[in-house]
N, C-alpha and C. Protein backbone atom coordinates (compact mmCIF):
# COMPACT_ATOMS: atom_id res chain seq x y z
N MET A 1 -5.05 -12.32 5.34
CA MET A 1 -5.87 -11.50 4.47
C MET A 1 -6.39 -12.32 3.29
N ASP A 2 -5.59 -13.25 2.79
CA ASP A 2 -6.03 -14.13 1.70
C ASP A 2 -7.21 -14.98 2.15
N ASP A 3 -7.21 -15.44 3.43
CA ASP A 3 -8.34 -16.24 3.94
C ASP A 3 -9.60 -15.39 4.00
N ASP A 4 -9.48 -14.12 4.42
CA ASP A 4 -10.65 -13.22 4.46
C ASP A 4 -11.21 -13.01 3.08
N LEU A 5 -10.31 -12.75 2.10
CA LEU A 5 -10.77 -12.55 0.73
C LEU A 5 -11.43 -13.81 0.19
N LYS A 6 -10.87 -14.97 0.51
CA LYS A 6 -11.45 -16.22 0.04
C LYS A 6 -12.83 -16.44 0.66
N GLN A 7 -12.97 -16.11 1.97
CA GLN A 7 -14.28 -16.27 2.60
C GLN A 7 -15.31 -15.34 2.00
N VAL A 8 -14.89 -14.08 1.69
CA VAL A 8 -15.82 -13.12 1.06
C VAL A 8 -16.23 -13.62 -0.31
N LEU A 9 -15.24 -14.06 -1.11
CA LEU A 9 -15.55 -14.56 -2.45
C LEU A 9 -16.44 -15.81 -2.39
N ASP A 10 -16.15 -16.71 -1.43
CA ASP A 10 -16.98 -17.91 -1.29
C ASP A 10 -18.41 -17.55 -0.90
N ALA A 11 -18.53 -16.56 0.01
CA ALA A 11 -19.88 -16.14 0.41
C ALA A 11 -20.64 -15.54 -0.77
N ILE A 12 -19.95 -14.70 -1.56
CA ILE A 12 -20.59 -14.10 -2.75
C ILE A 12 -20.97 -15.20 -3.75
N ARG A 13 -20.05 -16.16 -3.92
CA ARG A 13 -20.33 -17.25 -4.86
C ARG A 13 -21.53 -18.09 -4.40
N GLU A 14 -21.59 -18.36 -3.07
CA GLU A 14 -22.72 -19.15 -2.55
C GLU A 14 -24.04 -18.38 -2.68
N GLU A 15 -23.99 -17.07 -2.40
CA GLU A 15 -25.21 -16.26 -2.53
C GLU A 15 -25.65 -16.20 -3.98
N ASN A 16 -24.68 -16.05 -4.90
CA ASN A 16 -25.01 -16.00 -6.33
C ASN A 16 -25.59 -17.35 -6.80
N ALA A 17 -25.00 -18.45 -6.30
CA ALA A 17 -25.51 -19.77 -6.67
C ALA A 17 -26.92 -19.98 -6.13
N ALA A 18 -27.17 -19.49 -4.88
CA ALA A 18 -28.51 -19.60 -4.31
C ALA A 18 -29.51 -18.80 -5.13
N ALA A 19 -29.09 -17.60 -5.57
CA ALA A 19 -29.98 -16.77 -6.39
C ALA A 19 -30.28 -17.47 -7.72
N HIS A 20 -29.25 -18.05 -8.31
CA HIS A 20 -29.48 -18.79 -9.57
C HIS A 20 -30.40 -19.99 -9.34
N ASP A 21 -30.19 -20.71 -8.22
CA ASP A 21 -31.06 -21.86 -7.94
C ASP A 21 -32.51 -21.41 -7.74
N GLU A 22 -32.70 -20.28 -7.03
CA GLU A 22 -34.05 -19.76 -6.82
C GLU A 22 -34.69 -19.37 -8.14
N THR A 23 -33.89 -18.73 -9.02
CA THR A 23 -34.40 -18.33 -10.34
C THR A 23 -34.77 -19.55 -11.16
N ARG A 24 -33.88 -20.56 -11.12
CA ARG A 24 -34.15 -21.79 -11.88
C ARG A 24 -35.41 -22.49 -11.36
N ARG A 25 -35.53 -22.49 -9.98
CA ARG A 25 -36.71 -23.16 -9.40
C ARG A 25 -37.99 -22.45 -9.82
N ARG A 26 -37.97 -21.10 -9.76
CA ARG A 26 -39.17 -20.35 -10.12
C ARG A 26 -39.47 -20.48 -11.63
N PHE A 27 -38.39 -20.49 -12.41
CA PHE A 27 -38.60 -20.63 -13.86
C PHE A 27 -39.17 -22.00 -14.19
N GLU A 28 -38.64 -23.04 -13.53
CA GLU A 28 -39.15 -24.39 -13.77
C GLU A 28 -40.61 -24.50 -13.29
N GLY A 29 -40.89 -23.81 -12.13
CA GLY A 29 -42.27 -23.81 -11.67
C GLY A 29 -43.20 -23.13 -12.68
N ALA A 30 -42.69 -22.01 -13.25
CA ALA A 30 -43.49 -21.32 -14.27
C ALA A 30 -43.67 -22.21 -15.49
N GLN A 31 -42.61 -22.93 -15.86
CA GLN A 31 -42.73 -23.84 -17.00
C GLN A 31 -43.75 -24.95 -16.73
N VAL A 32 -43.68 -25.49 -15.50
CA VAL A 32 -44.65 -26.55 -15.15
C VAL A 32 -46.07 -26.00 -15.19
N GLU A 33 -46.22 -24.78 -14.61
CA GLU A 33 -47.55 -24.18 -14.60
C GLU A 33 -48.01 -23.88 -16.02
N ASN A 34 -47.07 -23.40 -16.84
CA ASN A 34 -47.39 -23.11 -18.24
C ASN A 34 -47.77 -24.39 -18.99
N ALA A 35 -47.02 -25.45 -18.70
CA ALA A 35 -47.31 -26.73 -19.35
C ALA A 35 -48.70 -27.23 -18.92
N ALA A 36 -48.99 -27.01 -17.61
CA ALA A 36 -50.32 -27.42 -17.14
C ALA A 36 -51.42 -26.62 -17.84
N ALA A 37 -51.12 -25.29 -17.99
CA ALA A 37 -52.10 -24.45 -18.68
C ALA A 37 -52.27 -24.90 -20.13
N HIS A 38 -51.16 -25.20 -20.77
CA HIS A 38 -51.23 -25.70 -22.15
C HIS A 38 -51.98 -27.04 -22.22
N ALA A 39 -51.71 -27.90 -21.23
CA ALA A 39 -52.40 -29.20 -21.22
C ALA A 39 -53.91 -29.01 -21.05
N GLU A 40 -54.27 -28.09 -20.14
CA GLU A 40 -55.69 -27.82 -19.94
C GLU A 40 -56.32 -27.22 -21.20
N THR A 41 -55.55 -26.33 -21.84
CA THR A 41 -56.04 -25.73 -23.10
C THR A 41 -56.22 -26.81 -24.17
N ARG A 42 -55.25 -27.70 -24.24
CA ARG A 42 -55.35 -28.78 -25.23
C ARG A 42 -56.55 -29.68 -24.93
N GLN A 43 -56.76 -29.94 -23.63
CA GLN A 43 -57.88 -30.79 -23.24
C GLN A 43 -59.21 -30.12 -23.61
N LEU A 44 -59.25 -28.82 -23.33
CA LEU A 44 -60.47 -28.09 -23.69
C LEU A 44 -60.68 -28.05 -25.20
N PHE A 45 -59.52 -27.84 -25.90
CA PHE A 45 -59.63 -27.80 -27.37
C PHE A 45 -60.09 -29.14 -27.93
N GLU A 46 -59.56 -30.23 -27.37
CA GLU A 46 -59.96 -31.55 -27.84
C GLU A 46 -61.44 -31.83 -27.49
N ALA A 47 -61.82 -31.37 -26.28
CA ALA A 47 -63.23 -31.54 -25.91
C ALA A 47 -64.13 -30.73 -26.86
N ALA A 48 -63.59 -29.51 -27.21
CA ALA A 48 -64.38 -28.69 -28.14
C ALA A 48 -64.49 -29.35 -29.51
N GLN A 49 -63.38 -30.00 -29.91
CA GLN A 49 -63.43 -30.70 -31.19
C GLN A 49 -64.43 -31.86 -31.16
N VAL A 50 -64.49 -32.58 -30.02
CA VAL A 50 -65.44 -33.70 -29.91
C VAL A 50 -66.87 -33.17 -29.95
N GLU A 51 -67.05 -32.05 -29.22
CA GLU A 51 -68.40 -31.49 -29.19
C GLU A 51 -68.76 -30.75 -30.49
N ASN A 52 -67.72 -30.47 -31.27
CA ASN A 52 -67.96 -29.74 -32.53
C ASN A 52 -68.89 -30.52 -33.47
N ALA A 53 -68.82 -31.83 -33.36
CA ALA A 53 -69.70 -32.64 -34.21
C ALA A 53 -71.16 -32.40 -33.87
N ALA A 54 -71.46 -32.14 -32.60
CA ALA A 54 -72.85 -31.94 -32.18
C ALA A 54 -73.27 -30.49 -32.29
N ALA A 55 -72.33 -29.56 -31.87
CA ALA A 55 -72.75 -28.15 -31.88
C ALA A 55 -71.55 -27.28 -32.14
N HIS A 56 -71.48 -26.72 -33.36
CA HIS A 56 -70.36 -25.85 -33.72
C HIS A 56 -70.37 -24.57 -32.90
N ASP A 57 -71.54 -24.07 -32.57
CA ASP A 57 -71.61 -22.83 -31.80
C ASP A 57 -71.03 -23.02 -30.39
N GLU A 58 -71.38 -24.15 -29.77
CA GLU A 58 -70.85 -24.42 -28.43
C GLU A 58 -69.35 -24.62 -28.46
N THR A 59 -68.93 -25.31 -29.54
CA THR A 59 -67.50 -25.55 -29.68
C THR A 59 -66.74 -24.24 -29.86
N ARG A 60 -67.31 -23.36 -30.73
CA ARG A 60 -66.65 -22.07 -30.96
C ARG A 60 -66.62 -21.25 -29.68
N ARG A 61 -67.75 -21.30 -28.95
CA ARG A 61 -67.80 -20.53 -27.72
C ARG A 61 -66.76 -21.03 -26.72
N ARG A 62 -66.71 -22.34 -26.54
CA ARG A 62 -65.74 -22.89 -25.60
C ARG A 62 -64.30 -22.67 -26.08
N PHE A 63 -64.13 -22.77 -27.41
CA PHE A 63 -62.80 -22.56 -27.96
C PHE A 63 -62.34 -21.12 -27.73
N GLU A 64 -63.26 -20.19 -27.96
CA GLU A 64 -62.93 -18.79 -27.72
C GLU A 64 -62.66 -18.55 -26.24
N ALA A 65 -63.48 -19.19 -25.38
CA ALA A 65 -63.25 -19.06 -23.94
C ALA A 65 -61.89 -19.65 -23.56
N ALA A 66 -61.57 -20.79 -24.20
CA ALA A 66 -60.27 -21.41 -23.93
C ALA A 66 -59.15 -20.50 -24.40
N GLN A 67 -59.35 -19.85 -25.55
CA GLN A 67 -58.32 -18.94 -26.04
C GLN A 67 -58.12 -17.76 -25.07
N VAL A 68 -59.27 -17.23 -24.60
CA VAL A 68 -59.18 -16.13 -23.63
C VAL A 68 -58.45 -16.59 -22.37
N GLU A 69 -58.85 -17.78 -21.87
CA GLU A 69 -58.21 -18.31 -20.67
C GLU A 69 -56.73 -18.58 -20.91
N ASN A 70 -56.43 -19.11 -22.10
CA ASN A 70 -55.03 -19.39 -22.44
C ASN A 70 -54.22 -18.10 -22.53
N ALA A 71 -54.85 -17.07 -23.12
CA ALA A 71 -54.16 -15.78 -23.20
C ALA A 71 -53.90 -15.23 -21.80
N ALA A 72 -54.91 -15.38 -20.93
CA ALA A 72 -54.72 -14.92 -19.54
C ALA A 72 -53.61 -15.71 -18.86
N ALA A 73 -53.60 -17.05 -19.12
CA ALA A 73 -52.55 -17.88 -18.53
C ALA A 73 -51.18 -17.48 -19.06
N HIS A 74 -51.13 -17.22 -20.38
CA HIS A 74 -49.86 -16.77 -20.95
C HIS A 74 -49.44 -15.43 -20.36
N ALA A 75 -50.41 -14.52 -20.19
CA ALA A 75 -50.09 -13.23 -19.61
C ALA A 75 -49.58 -13.37 -18.18
N GLU A 76 -50.25 -14.24 -17.40
CA GLU A 76 -49.81 -14.49 -16.02
C GLU A 76 -48.42 -15.11 -16.00
N THR A 77 -48.24 -16.08 -16.92
CA THR A 77 -46.92 -16.73 -17.00
C THR A 77 -45.85 -15.71 -17.36
N ARG A 78 -46.16 -14.86 -18.34
CA ARG A 78 -45.19 -13.84 -18.74
C ARG A 78 -44.91 -12.87 -17.59
N ARG A 79 -45.98 -12.50 -16.86
CA ARG A 79 -45.80 -11.58 -15.74
C ARG A 79 -44.89 -12.21 -14.68
N ARG A 80 -45.18 -13.48 -14.34
CA ARG A 80 -44.34 -14.15 -13.34
C ARG A 80 -42.89 -14.29 -13.82
N LEU A 81 -42.75 -14.64 -15.11
CA LEU A 81 -41.40 -14.79 -15.65
C LEU A 81 -40.65 -13.46 -15.62
N GLU A 82 -41.34 -12.39 -16.00
CA GLU A 82 -40.70 -11.08 -15.95
C GLU A 82 -40.35 -10.68 -14.52
N ALA A 83 -41.27 -11.04 -13.59
CA ALA A 83 -40.98 -10.74 -12.18
C ALA A 83 -39.76 -11.51 -11.71
N VAL A 84 -39.68 -12.80 -12.09
CA VAL A 84 -38.52 -13.61 -11.71
C VAL A 84 -37.25 -13.04 -12.34
N GLN A 85 -37.37 -12.66 -13.64
CA GLN A 85 -36.21 -12.08 -14.30
C GLN A 85 -35.78 -10.78 -13.64
N ALA A 86 -36.75 -9.92 -13.29
CA ALA A 86 -36.43 -8.66 -12.63
C ALA A 86 -35.79 -8.91 -11.27
N GLU A 87 -36.35 -9.88 -10.50
CA GLU A 87 -35.78 -10.20 -9.19
C GLU A 87 -34.37 -10.75 -9.33
N THR A 88 -34.19 -11.64 -10.33
CA THR A 88 -32.85 -12.21 -10.56
C THR A 88 -31.86 -11.13 -10.95
N LEU A 89 -32.31 -10.22 -11.84
CA LEU A 89 -31.43 -9.13 -12.27
C LEU A 89 -31.07 -8.23 -11.08
N ALA A 90 -32.08 -7.95 -10.23
CA ALA A 90 -31.81 -7.11 -9.06
C ALA A 90 -30.80 -7.78 -8.13
N LYS A 91 -30.99 -9.09 -7.90
CA LYS A 91 -30.05 -9.82 -7.03
C LYS A 91 -28.66 -9.86 -7.66
N PHE A 92 -28.64 -10.05 -8.99
CA PHE A 92 -27.34 -10.09 -9.67
C PHE A 92 -26.62 -8.75 -9.58
N GLU A 93 -27.40 -7.66 -9.79
CA GLU A 93 -26.81 -6.33 -9.69
C GLU A 93 -26.36 -6.04 -8.26
N ALA A 94 -27.17 -6.47 -7.28
CA ALA A 94 -26.78 -6.29 -5.89
C ALA A 94 -25.51 -7.08 -5.58
N ALA A 95 -25.44 -8.31 -6.13
CA ALA A 95 -24.24 -9.12 -5.94
C ALA A 95 -23.03 -8.46 -6.59
N GLN A 96 -23.25 -7.85 -7.78
CA GLN A 96 -22.16 -7.14 -8.44
C GLN A 96 -21.69 -5.97 -7.60
N VAL A 97 -22.66 -5.20 -7.06
CA VAL A 97 -22.30 -4.06 -6.21
C VAL A 97 -21.53 -4.54 -4.98
N GLU A 98 -22.07 -5.61 -4.35
CA GLU A 98 -21.40 -6.14 -3.17
C GLU A 98 -20.03 -6.69 -3.51
N ASN A 99 -19.93 -7.34 -4.68
CA ASN A 99 -18.64 -7.86 -5.13
C ASN A 99 -17.65 -6.73 -5.40
N ALA A 100 -18.15 -5.65 -6.02
CA ALA A 100 -17.28 -4.49 -6.28
C ALA A 100 -16.80 -3.89 -4.97
N ALA A 101 -17.72 -3.81 -3.98
CA ALA A 101 -17.33 -3.28 -2.68
C ALA A 101 -16.29 -4.19 -2.01
N ALA A 102 -16.49 -5.50 -2.14
CA ALA A 102 -15.52 -6.45 -1.56
C ALA A 102 -14.18 -6.30 -2.25
N HIS A 103 -14.21 -6.16 -3.59
CA HIS A 103 -12.95 -5.96 -4.31
C HIS A 103 -12.28 -4.66 -3.89
N ALA A 104 -13.07 -3.60 -3.72
CA ALA A 104 -12.50 -2.32 -3.28
C ALA A 104 -11.88 -2.45 -1.90
N GLU A 105 -12.59 -3.16 -0.99
CA GLU A 105 -12.05 -3.37 0.36
C GLU A 105 -10.78 -4.21 0.32
N THR A 106 -10.81 -5.25 -0.53
CA THR A 106 -9.61 -6.09 -0.68
C THR A 106 -8.44 -5.28 -1.23
N ARG A 107 -8.73 -4.45 -2.25
CA ARG A 107 -7.68 -3.61 -2.83
C ARG A 107 -7.14 -2.63 -1.80
N ARG A 108 -8.07 -2.07 -0.97
CA ARG A 108 -7.63 -1.13 0.06
C ARG A 108 -6.73 -1.82 1.08
N ARG A 109 -7.16 -3.02 1.50
CA ARG A 109 -6.33 -3.75 2.47
C ARG A 109 -4.99 -4.14 1.87
N LEU A 110 -5.01 -4.56 0.60
CA LEU A 110 -3.76 -4.93 -0.06
C LEU A 110 -2.83 -3.74 -0.17
N GLU A 111 -3.39 -2.58 -0.56
CA GLU A 111 -2.56 -1.38 -0.65
C GLU A 111 -2.02 -0.98 0.72
N ALA A 112 -2.86 -1.15 1.76
CA ALA A 112 -2.39 -0.84 3.11
C ALA A 112 -1.25 -1.76 3.52
N VAL A 113 -1.41 -3.06 3.22
CA VAL A 113 -0.34 -4.02 3.53
C VAL A 113 0.92 -3.70 2.75
N GLN A 114 0.75 -3.37 1.46
CA GLN A 114 1.91 -3.01 0.65
C GLN A 114 2.60 -1.77 1.20
N ALA A 115 1.81 -0.75 1.58
CA ALA A 115 2.40 0.46 2.14
C ALA A 115 3.12 0.16 3.45
N GLU A 116 2.49 -0.67 4.30
CA GLU A 116 3.13 -1.03 5.57
C GLU A 116 4.42 -1.81 5.34
N THR A 117 4.37 -2.76 4.38
CA THR A 117 5.57 -3.54 4.06
C THR A 117 6.68 -2.64 3.53
N LEU A 118 6.32 -1.70 2.63
CA LEU A 118 7.31 -0.78 2.09
C LEU A 118 7.90 0.09 3.18
N ALA A 119 7.04 0.57 4.10
CA ALA A 119 7.54 1.40 5.20
C ALA A 119 8.50 0.60 6.08
N LYS A 120 8.13 -0.65 6.38
CA LYS A 120 9.02 -1.49 7.19
C LYS A 120 10.34 -1.76 6.48
N PHE A 121 10.25 -1.99 5.16
CA PHE A 121 11.47 -2.26 4.39
C PHE A 121 12.38 -1.03 4.39
N GLU A 122 11.77 0.15 4.16
CA GLU A 122 12.57 1.38 4.17
C GLU A 122 13.16 1.63 5.56
N ALA A 123 12.37 1.38 6.61
CA ALA A 123 12.89 1.54 7.97
C ALA A 123 14.04 0.57 8.23
N ALA A 124 13.89 -0.67 7.73
CA ALA A 124 14.97 -1.66 7.88
C ALA A 124 16.21 -1.20 7.12
N GLN A 125 16.01 -0.61 5.92
CA GLN A 125 17.16 -0.11 5.17
C GLN A 125 17.87 1.00 5.95
N VAL A 126 17.07 1.93 6.50
CA VAL A 126 17.67 3.03 7.28
C VAL A 126 18.41 2.47 8.49
N GLU A 127 17.76 1.53 9.20
CA GLU A 127 18.39 0.92 10.38
C GLU A 127 19.65 0.17 9.99
N ASN A 128 19.60 -0.54 8.83
CA ASN A 128 20.77 -1.28 8.36
C ASN A 128 21.91 -0.33 8.01
N ALA A 129 21.55 0.79 7.35
CA ALA A 129 22.58 1.78 7.00
C ALA A 129 23.21 2.36 8.27
N ALA A 130 22.36 2.64 9.28
CA ALA A 130 22.89 3.15 10.54
C ALA A 130 23.80 2.13 11.21
N ALA A 131 23.38 0.85 11.17
CA ALA A 131 24.22 -0.21 11.76
C ALA A 131 25.54 -0.33 11.02
N HIS A 132 25.50 -0.24 9.68
CA HIS A 132 26.75 -0.30 8.90
C HIS A 132 27.65 0.88 9.25
N ALA A 133 27.05 2.09 9.37
CA ALA A 133 27.84 3.26 9.72
C ALA A 133 28.47 3.08 11.10
N GLU A 134 27.67 2.58 12.06
CA GLU A 134 28.20 2.35 13.40
C GLU A 134 29.31 1.30 13.39
N THR A 135 29.10 0.24 12.57
CA THR A 135 30.13 -0.80 12.46
C THR A 135 31.41 -0.25 11.87
N ARG A 136 31.27 0.57 10.81
CA ARG A 136 32.46 1.19 10.21
C ARG A 136 33.17 2.09 11.21
N GLN A 137 32.40 2.87 11.98
CA GLN A 137 33.00 3.74 12.98
C GLN A 137 33.71 2.93 14.06
N LEU A 138 33.06 1.79 14.46
CA LEU A 138 33.67 0.92 15.47
C LEU A 138 34.97 0.33 14.97
N PHE A 139 34.97 -0.15 13.70
CA PHE A 139 36.20 -0.70 13.12
C PHE A 139 37.28 0.38 13.02
N LYS A 140 36.90 1.60 12.65
CA LYS A 140 37.86 2.69 12.54
C LYS A 140 38.44 3.00 13.91
N THR A 141 37.56 3.04 14.94
CA THR A 141 38.04 3.30 16.30
C THR A 141 38.99 2.20 16.76
N MET A 142 38.61 0.93 16.48
CA MET A 142 39.48 -0.19 16.86
C MET A 142 40.81 -0.11 16.13
N ALA A 143 40.76 0.25 14.82
CA ALA A 143 42.01 0.35 14.05
C ALA A 143 42.88 1.46 14.60
N ASP A 144 42.24 2.60 14.95
CA ASP A 144 43.03 3.70 15.52
C ASP A 144 43.64 3.29 16.85
N ASP A 145 42.84 2.58 17.70
CA ASP A 145 43.38 2.12 18.99
C ASP A 145 44.52 1.14 18.80
N LEU A 146 44.34 0.20 17.86
CA LEU A 146 45.41 -0.77 17.60
C LEU A 146 46.67 -0.09 17.07
N ARG A 147 46.45 0.90 16.17
CA ARG A 147 47.61 1.63 15.63
C ARG A 147 48.34 2.37 16.75
N GLU A 148 47.55 3.00 17.64
CA GLU A 148 48.17 3.73 18.75
C GLU A 148 48.91 2.78 19.69
N GLN A 149 48.26 1.63 20.03
CA GLN A 149 48.93 0.64 20.88
C GLN A 149 50.19 0.11 20.22
N PHE A 150 50.11 -0.14 18.88
CA PHE A 150 51.29 -0.64 18.18
C PHE A 150 52.41 0.38 18.21
N GLU A 151 52.04 1.67 17.99
CA GLU A 151 53.08 2.70 18.00
C GLU A 151 53.70 2.82 19.39
N ILE A 152 52.84 2.73 20.45
CA ILE A 152 53.38 2.79 21.82
C ILE A 152 54.30 1.61 22.08
N THR A 153 53.82 0.40 21.66
CA THR A 153 54.64 -0.81 21.86
C THR A 153 55.94 -0.72 21.07
N ALA A 154 55.84 -0.25 19.82
CA ALA A 154 57.04 -0.13 18.98
C ALA A 154 58.02 0.86 19.57
N GLU A 155 57.48 1.98 20.10
CA GLU A 155 58.37 2.97 20.71
C GLU A 155 59.05 2.38 21.94
N GLY A 156 58.29 1.62 22.75
CA GLY A 156 58.89 0.98 23.91
C GLY A 156 59.97 -0.03 23.51
N LEU A 157 59.65 -0.81 22.44
CA LEU A 157 60.65 -1.77 21.96
C LEU A 157 61.90 -1.07 21.44
N ARG A 158 61.69 0.04 20.72
CA ARG A 158 62.86 0.78 20.22
C ARG A 158 63.71 1.28 21.38
N HIS A 159 63.03 1.78 22.45
CA HIS A 159 63.77 2.27 23.61
C HIS A 159 64.55 1.14 24.28
N GLU A 160 63.86 -0.02 24.46
CA GLU A 160 64.55 -1.15 25.08
C GLU A 160 65.69 -1.66 24.22
N ILE A 161 65.47 -1.70 22.89
CA ILE A 161 66.56 -2.15 21.99
C ILE A 161 67.74 -1.19 22.07
N ARG A 162 67.44 0.13 22.17
CA ARG A 162 68.52 1.12 22.27
C ARG A 162 69.32 0.90 23.55
N ILE A 163 68.56 0.62 24.67
CA ILE A 163 69.25 0.38 25.94
C ILE A 163 70.13 -0.87 25.86
N VAL A 164 69.54 -1.96 25.25
CA VAL A 164 70.31 -3.20 25.10
C VAL A 164 71.54 -2.96 24.23
N ALA A 165 71.35 -2.20 23.13
CA ALA A 165 72.48 -1.93 22.24
C ALA A 165 73.57 -1.14 22.95
N GLU A 166 73.13 -0.13 23.74
CA GLU A 166 74.11 0.63 24.50
C GLU A 166 74.83 -0.26 25.50
N GLY A 167 74.05 -1.18 26.14
CA GLY A 167 74.69 -2.10 27.09
C GLY A 167 75.68 -3.02 26.40
N VAL A 168 75.31 -3.49 25.19
CA VAL A 168 76.23 -4.35 24.43
C VAL A 168 77.50 -3.59 24.08
N VAL A 169 77.33 -2.34 23.65
CA VAL A 169 78.51 -1.53 23.30
C VAL A 169 79.38 -1.34 24.52
N THR A 170 78.74 -1.03 25.67
CA THR A 170 79.50 -0.83 26.91
C THR A 170 80.23 -2.10 27.30
N ASN A 171 79.52 -3.22 27.23
CA ASN A 171 80.16 -4.50 27.58
C ASN A 171 81.28 -4.83 26.62
N THR A 172 81.07 -4.50 25.34
CA THR A 172 82.14 -4.76 24.37
C THR A 172 83.40 -3.96 24.70
N GLU A 173 83.19 -2.68 25.06
CA GLU A 173 84.34 -1.85 25.44
C GLU A 173 85.02 -2.40 26.67
N LYS A 174 84.20 -2.84 27.68
CA LYS A 174 84.80 -3.40 28.89
C LYS A 174 85.58 -4.67 28.57
N ILE A 175 85.00 -5.51 27.71
CA ILE A 175 85.69 -6.75 27.33
C ILE A 175 86.98 -6.43 26.60
N ASP A 176 86.90 -5.43 25.72
CA ASP A 176 88.13 -5.05 25.00
C ASP A 176 89.21 -4.58 25.97
N ARG A 177 88.79 -3.74 26.95
CA ARG A 177 89.77 -3.28 27.94
C ARG A 177 90.31 -4.43 28.78
N PHE A 178 89.39 -5.38 29.12
CA PHE A 178 89.82 -6.53 29.91
C PHE A 178 90.80 -7.39 29.13
N GLU A 179 90.47 -7.61 27.85
CA GLU A 179 91.38 -8.40 27.01
C GLU A 179 92.74 -7.71 26.86
N ALA A 180 92.72 -6.39 26.74
CA ALA A 180 94.00 -5.65 26.64
C ALA A 180 94.81 -5.81 27.92
N LYS A 181 94.07 -5.73 29.07
CA LYS A 181 94.75 -5.90 30.35
C LYS A 181 95.32 -7.29 30.47
N ILE A 182 94.56 -8.30 30.09
CA ILE A 182 95.04 -9.69 30.11
C ILE A 182 96.26 -9.84 29.22
N ASP A 183 96.20 -9.18 28.03
CA ASP A 183 97.35 -9.26 27.11
C ASP A 183 98.59 -8.67 27.78
N ARG A 184 98.43 -7.53 28.48
CA ARG A 184 99.58 -6.91 29.15
C ARG A 184 100.12 -7.82 30.24
N ILE A 185 99.17 -8.38 31.03
CA ILE A 185 99.60 -9.27 32.11
C ILE A 185 100.33 -10.48 31.54
N THR A 186 99.74 -11.04 30.47
CA THR A 186 100.37 -12.21 29.84
C THR A 186 101.76 -11.86 29.31
N SER A 187 101.84 -10.66 28.72
CA SER A 187 103.15 -10.24 28.18
C SER A 187 104.18 -10.07 29.30
N ASP A 188 103.73 -9.49 30.43
CA ASP A 188 104.65 -9.32 31.57
C ASP A 188 105.09 -10.67 32.10
N LEU A 189 104.13 -11.60 32.21
CA LEU A 189 104.48 -12.93 32.69
C LEU A 189 105.46 -13.62 31.76
N ASP A 190 105.23 -13.48 30.46
CA ASP A 190 106.16 -14.09 29.50
C ASP A 190 107.55 -13.50 29.67
N THR A 191 107.56 -12.18 29.87
CA THR A 191 108.88 -11.52 30.03
C THR A 191 109.57 -12.04 31.27
N ARG A 192 108.81 -12.15 32.37
CA ARG A 192 109.39 -12.63 33.62
C ARG A 192 109.86 -14.08 33.50
N VAL A 193 109.04 -14.88 32.87
CA VAL A 193 109.42 -16.29 32.69
C VAL A 193 110.69 -16.40 31.87
N THR A 194 110.76 -15.57 30.83
CA THR A 194 111.97 -15.59 29.98
C THR A 194 113.19 -15.20 30.77
N ARG A 195 113.03 -14.16 31.57
CA ARG A 195 114.16 -13.71 32.38
C ARG A 195 114.60 -14.79 33.36
N LEU A 196 113.59 -15.43 33.96
CA LEU A 196 113.94 -16.50 34.90
C LEU A 196 114.65 -17.63 34.20
N GLU A 197 114.17 -17.98 33.03
CA GLU A 197 114.82 -19.06 32.29
C GLU A 197 116.26 -18.69 31.93
N VAL A 198 116.42 -17.46 31.53
CA VAL A 198 117.80 -17.01 31.18
C VAL A 198 118.68 -17.03 32.40
N ALA A 199 118.12 -16.56 33.50
CA ALA A 199 118.93 -16.52 34.74
C ALA A 199 119.29 -17.91 35.22
N SER A 200 118.33 -18.80 35.06
CA SER A 200 118.60 -20.17 35.52
C SER A 200 119.56 -20.92 34.63
N SER A 201 119.63 -20.48 33.40
CA SER A 201 120.53 -21.18 32.47
C SER A 201 121.99 -20.74 32.62
N ARG A 202 122.24 -19.64 33.26
CA ARG A 202 123.62 -19.19 33.45
C ARG A 202 124.28 -20.03 34.56
N PRO A 203 125.63 -20.35 34.43
CA PRO A 203 126.31 -21.09 35.51
C PRO A 203 126.50 -20.21 36.72
N SER A 204 126.38 -20.80 37.84
CA SER A 204 126.52 -20.06 39.06
C SER A 204 128.01 -19.86 39.39
N ARG A 205 128.42 -18.71 39.93
CA ARG A 205 129.77 -18.44 40.28
C ARG A 205 129.99 -18.76 41.76
N ILE A 206 131.07 -19.64 42.03
CA ILE A 206 131.39 -20.02 43.41
C ILE A 206 132.75 -19.42 43.75
């Protein structure tokens, strides 16, 4: 859009410069023509002055004719200058109108781009908010699933630990009973060994 605006402004600038160049050319042409008219008037006036020595009436007549011609030349020059000025003013006003229209179009396009950008930004904000909400819901769901899995795993571990503990208690009781049995057996063996030793230590009767 900046390139379009630059091209429009460059075109307006080139057209305005061309109008100024045309005005300057016509004005310079009018100046040259006016200078030529003045030169011719001066030439006639000088000729009238030379002839004035011979005939004042002829000189006055020619001088008056030169004045009339000079006035007509000045009037023509003024008319052309006014025409050039009017044409330049018309082109300048047309350029201003066209420039105002270009500015209005540029402003309209800029406002449209701004509105489109704002709409996209707001849509992105809404989409971002929805994504955040979905992400939060996903994290909450994952946390709930993890908590449930942890509770299930913990419950299973508690059950297995309870079974192991019960097995340890049962084994401990069995070991205690086994140790008691071993103690009884050992005690009986000690008693028997003692009896045998006592019996063997007595003298035999023949």
